[in-house]
Amino acid sequence: MGNILEFVPTPKVPTQLVLQDNIDIAFCLWAINMFGVQHMEDGQLQTVGPKDLGSLRVEFVLDCLKMAQESELLSDKGKAFITKLLQHP
């Protein structure tokens, strides 16, 4: 018997995140501000608003949404909204 090589494809990261309404935007902003935004060097808290979303990397936003989905801060209904965002192509 020869050696068998196992190939596991790397999942593709979406190049864009489609936000269909204000609820999608609100959940993204909440996740980013709760789990992705750190204190600035001068000690002031930095926040992200709707106008900032277009300048953020998609991977960063998706990571924040995944952290939010795993947290205990959301209800099952809130987690369902985030699941919908994460599954959208």
Protein backbone atom coordinates (compact mmCIF):
# COMPACT_ATOMS: atom_id res chain seq x y z
CA MET A 1 0.00 0.00 0.00
CA GLY A 2 1.18 3.46 -0.83
CA ASN A 3 0.94 6.51 1.32
CA ILE A 4 -2.35 8.33 1.12
CA LEU A 5 -2.23 12.08 1.26
CA GLU A 6 -5.21 13.75 2.86
CA PHE A 7 -6.22 17.08 1.37
CA VAL A 8 -8.41 19.37 3.41
CA PRO A 9 -9.41 22.49 1.42
CA THR A 10 -9.21 25.80 3.21
CA PRO A 11 -12.63 27.43 3.44
CA LYS A 12 -12.93 30.63 1.46
CA VAL A 13 -13.42 33.84 3.37
CA PRO A 14 -16.14 35.99 1.80
CA THR A 15 -14.88 39.13 0.13
CA GLN A 16 -17.97 41.04 1.15
CA LEU A 17 -20.67 40.93 3.78
CA VAL A 18 -24.14 41.81 2.53
CA LEU A 19 -26.14 43.80 5.08
CA GLN A 20 -29.76 43.92 4.00
CA ASP A 21 -31.33 46.19 6.58
CA ASN A 22 -30.79 48.28 9.70
CA ILE A 23 -31.03 45.21 11.92
CA ASP A 24 -28.07 43.60 10.13
CA ILE A 25 -26.10 46.82 10.51
CA ALA A 26 -27.02 47.12 14.19
CA PHE A 27 -25.90 43.56 14.97
CA CYS A 28 -22.60 44.09 13.12
CA LEU A 29 -21.94 47.34 14.95
CA TRP A 30 -22.81 45.80 18.30
CA ALA A 31 -20.49 42.85 17.69
CA ILE A 32 -17.65 45.08 16.52
CA ASN A 33 -17.99 47.48 19.44
CA MET A 34 -18.33 44.67 22.00
CA PHE A 35 -15.69 42.27 20.76
CA GLY A 36 -13.44 43.98 18.24
CA VAL A 37 -12.76 47.53 19.31
CA GLN A 38 -10.00 47.90 21.84
CA HIS A 39 -9.04 50.90 23.91
CA MET A 40 -7.01 53.41 21.97
CA GLU A 41 -3.44 54.12 23.03
CA ASP A 42 -4.47 57.39 24.68
CA GLY A 43 -6.91 55.51 26.94
CA GLN A 44 -10.10 56.67 25.24
CA LEU A 45 -12.62 54.12 24.10
CA GLN A 46 -12.95 53.95 20.33
CA THR A 47 -16.35 53.12 18.85
CA VAL A 48 -17.42 52.19 15.34
CA GLY A 49 -20.49 53.70 13.69
CA PRO A 50 -22.42 52.97 10.49
CA LYS A 51 -20.17 55.20 8.38
CA ASP A 52 -17.12 53.19 9.48
CA LEU A 53 -18.40 49.80 8.33
CA GLY A 54 -17.20 50.19 4.75
CA SER A 55 -13.62 50.78 5.88
CA LEU A 56 -13.36 47.61 7.97
CA ARG A 57 -11.96 44.32 6.69
CA VAL A 58 -14.61 41.67 6.16
CA GLU A 59 -12.54 39.12 8.10
CA PHE A 60 -12.51 41.45 11.11
CA VAL A 61 -16.29 41.91 11.04
CA LEU A 62 -16.86 38.15 10.64
CA ASP A 63 -14.54 37.42 13.58
CA CYS A 64 -16.48 39.87 15.75
CA LEU A 65 -19.79 38.27 14.71
CA LYS A 66 -18.45 34.81 15.55
CA MET A 67 -17.34 35.97 19.00
CA ALA A 68 -20.76 37.54 19.55
CA GLN A 69 -22.49 34.34 18.49
CA GLU A 70 -20.48 32.35 21.04
CA SER A 71 -21.04 34.81 23.86
CA GLU A 72 -23.67 34.59 26.55
CA LEU A 73 -24.72 38.20 25.99
CA LEU A 74 -27.31 37.45 23.30
CA SER A 75 -30.64 35.68 23.41
CA ASP A 76 -31.34 32.76 21.09
CA LYS A 77 -33.16 35.16 18.78
CA GLY A 78 -30.15 37.48 18.66
CA LYS A 79 -27.85 34.55 17.91
CA ALA A 80 -30.20 33.54 15.09
CA PHE A 81 -29.72 36.96 13.47
CA ILE A 82 -25.96 36.55 13.67
CA THR A 83 -26.17 33.02 12.26
CA LYS A 84 -28.08 34.44 9.30
CA LEU A 85 -25.36 37.05 8.73
CA LEU A 86 -22.60 34.45 8.93
CA GLN A 87 -24.34 32.14 6.45
CA HIS A 88 -25.05 34.82 3.86
CA PRO A 89 -22.82 34.43 0.80
